[in-house]
Amino acid sequence: MQKIIIYNFNELFKILDEISDIFYFKIENYSVKDKKTSSTIGSLNDVIISNKVIGNYKNFLILNNLPIKISKLIEIINLELIKKKFSNQSEINVGKYKINFNSRKLIFNKLNLKLTEKETNIILYLLRANKPVNIKELQTTIWAYNEGVETHTVETHVYRLRKKILKLFNDENFIDSVDSGYVLKV
């Protein structure tokens, strides 16, 4: 369940706590006096609300244009939660890398590699397969080719993808060729 953290804004917490039974999220009240560390607040799914900037949090919402209608406040909170949920669902870990589906980028150590749709699909299919995948299977699942089609599309795409990954990340083992097909080495 997603969580709203009201940080050092006790008045807001009291108001939201009174109507909390209508929410689809959990509300917690934190203050400077709680001596909570940055590691205990602000998980990936949380949204922190305060009336001034605190710390270096990504999921931070400042409410300083008060007064505000409660319906508008709830709308703002729901939008933040939806954005956060969408953002979390748009990235997947691939070993030490991340793939962002929105931007179609492979990310590692602040380096971003732009991927094509097919390259993204190849990586995800190999990741989910968790075993070597042969060329015919990739042709039918990624390209929707019939089994009898003679083409080197898969080999060409994998070759280009390997080349791009080697050039940017200096990783020559990301996709490995084995007797039974291709496998991710992550």
Protein backbone atom coordinates (compact mmCIF):
# COMPACT_ATOMS: atom_id res chain seq x y z
CA MET A 1 0.00 0.00 0.00
CA GLN A 2 1.30 3.43 -0.87
CA LYS A 3 2.04 5.80 1.96
CA ILE A 4 1.78 9.54 2.47
CA ILE A 5 4.24 10.93 4.97
CA ILE A 6 3.28 14.25 6.47
CA TYR A 7 6.58 15.74 7.58
CA ASN A 8 6.66 18.51 10.17
CA PHE A 9 3.16 19.66 9.21
CA ASN A 10 1.01 18.53 12.14
CA GLU A 11 -2.06 20.59 11.16
CA LEU A 12 -2.28 18.84 7.82
CA PHE A 13 -1.87 15.44 9.43
CA LYS A 14 -4.75 16.12 11.84
CA ILE A 15 -7.06 17.09 8.98
CA LEU A 16 -6.14 14.09 6.80
CA ASP A 17 -6.24 11.71 9.74
CA GLU A 18 -9.85 12.68 10.45
CA ILE A 19 -10.93 11.61 6.97
CA SER A 20 -8.40 8.81 6.44
CA ASP A 21 -11.07 6.12 6.10
CA ILE A 22 -11.87 7.38 2.57
CA PHE A 23 -8.27 7.06 1.32
CA TYR A 24 -6.60 4.23 -0.54
CA PHE A 25 -3.29 5.09 1.02
CA LYS A 26 -1.76 5.09 4.48
CA ILE A 27 -0.92 8.33 6.31
CA GLU A 28 1.98 8.74 8.73
CA ASN A 29 3.06 11.77 10.72
CA TYR A 30 6.78 12.48 11.06
CA SER A 31 8.44 15.48 12.62
CA VAL A 32 11.93 16.74 13.18
CA LYS A 33 11.54 15.71 16.85
CA ASP A 34 11.08 12.05 15.81
CA LYS A 35 14.76 11.87 14.88
CA LYS A 36 13.89 9.62 11.96
CA THR A 37 16.75 9.22 9.55
CA SER A 38 16.43 9.68 5.81
CA SER A 39 16.64 5.90 5.43
CA THR A 40 13.41 5.41 7.38
CA ILE A 41 11.29 7.79 5.33
CA GLY A 42 10.82 8.23 1.64
CA SER A 43 10.78 4.72 0.23
CA LEU A 44 10.12 4.37 -3.49
CA ASN A 45 6.35 4.23 -3.04
CA ASP A 46 6.03 7.01 -0.47
CA VAL A 47 5.15 10.64 -1.09
CA ILE A 48 6.40 13.12 1.49
CA ILE A 49 4.31 16.24 2.09
CA SER A 50 5.52 19.28 3.96
CA ASN A 51 5.10 23.04 3.89
CA LYS A 52 8.81 23.60 3.22
CA VAL A 53 11.69 21.75 1.59
CA ILE A 54 13.43 19.18 3.76
CA GLY A 55 16.29 16.93 2.78
CA ASN A 56 16.96 15.67 -0.71
CA TYR A 57 13.94 13.46 -1.36
CA LYS A 58 12.65 12.59 -4.82
CA ASN A 59 9.04 12.01 -3.78
CA PHE A 60 8.51 15.38 -2.21
CA LEU A 61 5.41 17.58 -2.40
CA ILE A 62 5.49 21.08 -0.93
CA LEU A 63 2.16 22.58 0.12
CA ASN A 64 2.76 26.25 0.69
CA ASN A 65 -0.20 27.73 -1.22
CA LEU A 66 -2.62 27.53 1.65
CA PRO A 67 -5.49 27.59 2.31
CA ILE A 68 -6.54 24.86 -0.12
CA LYS A 69 -9.83 23.03 -0.58
CA ILE A 70 -9.72 19.50 0.79
CA SER A 71 -10.98 18.12 -2.53
CA LYS A 72 -8.10 19.87 -4.35
CA LEU A 73 -5.61 18.55 -1.79
CA ILE A 74 -6.84 14.98 -2.21
CA GLU A 75 -6.67 15.38 -5.99
CA ILE A 76 -3.05 16.58 -5.75
CA ILE A 77 -2.11 13.68 -3.47
CA ASN A 78 -3.79 11.12 -5.73
CA LEU A 79 -2.00 12.53 -8.78
CA GLU A 80 1.35 12.27 -7.00
CA LEU A 81 0.64 8.68 -5.99
CA ILE A 82 -0.42 7.75 -9.54
CA LYS A 83 2.74 9.35 -10.98
CA LYS A 84 4.87 7.50 -8.44
CA LYS A 85 3.19 4.17 -9.12
CA PHE A 86 3.56 4.63 -12.89
CA SER A 87 7.19 5.64 -12.51
CA ASN A 88 7.95 2.56 -10.38
CA GLN A 89 6.25 0.26 -12.88
CA SER A 90 8.15 1.81 -15.77
CA GLU A 91 11.54 0.55 -14.63
CA ILE A 92 12.84 -2.97 -14.28
CA ASN A 93 16.18 -4.24 -13.00
CA VAL A 94 18.29 -6.25 -15.40
CA GLY A 95 21.23 -7.29 -13.27
CA LYS A 96 23.27 -4.16 -12.55
CA TYR A 97 21.30 -2.26 -15.20
CA LYS A 98 17.83 -0.72 -15.25
CA ILE A 99 15.53 -0.44 -18.23
CA ASN A 100 13.18 2.53 -18.30
CA PHE A 101 10.18 1.67 -20.47
CA ASN A 102 9.05 5.27 -20.89
CA SER A 103 12.32 6.48 -22.37
CA ARG A 104 13.45 3.03 -23.63
CA LYS A 105 16.86 3.44 -22.04
CA LEU A 106 19.29 1.00 -20.50
CA ILE A 107 20.81 2.74 -17.48
CA PHE A 108 23.91 2.09 -15.42
CA ASN A 109 25.96 4.53 -13.31
CA LYS A 110 24.32 7.63 -14.83
CA LEU A 111 25.05 6.34 -18.33
CA ASN A 112 22.00 5.98 -20.58
CA LEU A 113 21.79 3.89 -23.71
CA LYS A 114 18.84 4.59 -25.99
CA LEU A 115 17.23 1.31 -27.09
CA THR A 116 14.90 0.54 -29.95
CA GLU A 117 11.59 -1.14 -29.21
CA LYS A 118 12.92 -4.47 -30.53
CA GLU A 119 16.10 -4.22 -28.46
CA THR A 120 14.03 -3.58 -25.35
CA ASN A 121 11.79 -6.53 -26.18
CA ILE A 122 14.78 -8.83 -26.77
CA ILE A 123 16.31 -7.95 -23.40
CA LEU A 124 13.03 -8.39 -21.55
CA TYR A 125 12.26 -11.69 -23.26
CA LEU A 126 15.71 -13.07 -22.46
CA LEU A 127 15.40 -11.84 -18.87
CA ARG A 128 12.01 -13.47 -18.34
CA ALA A 129 13.03 -16.70 -20.05
CA ASN A 130 15.84 -17.17 -17.54
CA LYS A 131 17.31 -19.79 -19.89
CA PRO A 132 18.91 -19.79 -23.33
CA VAL A 133 16.45 -18.78 -26.06
CA ASN A 134 16.97 -19.98 -29.62
CA ILE A 135 16.74 -17.77 -32.69
CA LYS A 136 13.50 -19.36 -33.95
CA GLU A 137 11.75 -18.58 -30.64
CA LEU A 138 12.88 -14.94 -30.78
CA GLN A 139 11.72 -14.70 -34.42
CA THR A 140 8.24 -15.92 -33.57
CA THR A 141 7.78 -14.04 -30.27
CA ILE A 142 9.51 -10.69 -30.94
CA TRP A 143 8.95 -10.35 -34.70
CA ALA A 144 5.91 -12.63 -35.12
CA TYR A 145 7.61 -14.37 -38.05
CA ASN A 146 6.37 -17.74 -39.24
CA GLU A 147 8.63 -20.67 -38.42
CA GLY A 148 9.65 -21.27 -42.03
CA VAL A 149 11.05 -17.78 -42.65
CA GLU A 150 14.77 -17.60 -43.41
CA THR A 151 16.23 -14.38 -42.03
CA HIS A 152 19.13 -13.09 -39.99
CA THR A 153 17.06 -10.39 -38.29
CA VAL A 154 17.61 -11.75 -34.77
CA GLU A 155 21.36 -12.17 -35.21
CA THR A 156 21.66 -8.66 -36.68
CA HIS A 157 19.68 -7.06 -33.86
CA VAL A 158 21.60 -8.93 -31.15
CA TYR A 159 24.91 -8.04 -32.83
CA ARG A 160 24.02 -4.32 -32.94
CA LEU A 161 22.73 -4.36 -29.36
CA ARG A 162 25.91 -6.03 -28.11
CA LYS A 163 27.99 -3.46 -30.00
CA LYS A 164 26.06 -0.54 -28.43
CA ILE A 165 26.39 -2.01 -24.92
CA LEU A 166 30.10 -2.70 -25.38
CA LYS A 167 30.73 0.83 -26.65
CA LEU A 168 28.93 2.64 -23.81
CA PHE A 169 29.22 0.28 -20.85
CA ASN A 170 32.32 -1.71 -21.88
CA ASP A 171 30.34 -4.89 -21.17
CA GLU A 172 31.01 -7.65 -23.68
CA ASN A 173 29.14 -10.32 -21.71
CA PHE A 174 25.63 -8.78 -21.47
CA ILE A 175 24.16 -11.17 -24.05
CA ASP A 176 25.98 -14.43 -24.52
CA SER A 177 25.69 -16.94 -27.35
CA VAL A 178 25.41 -20.55 -26.31
CA ASP A 179 24.69 -23.69 -28.32
CA SER A 180 20.97 -23.48 -27.65
CA GLY A 181 20.60 -19.71 -28.32
CA TYR A 182 21.09 -16.43 -26.48
CA VAL A 183 21.18 -15.81 -22.75
CA LEU A 184 21.57 -12.71 -20.57
CA LYS A 185 24.65 -12.73 -18.35
CA VAL A 186 23.39 -10.40 -15.62
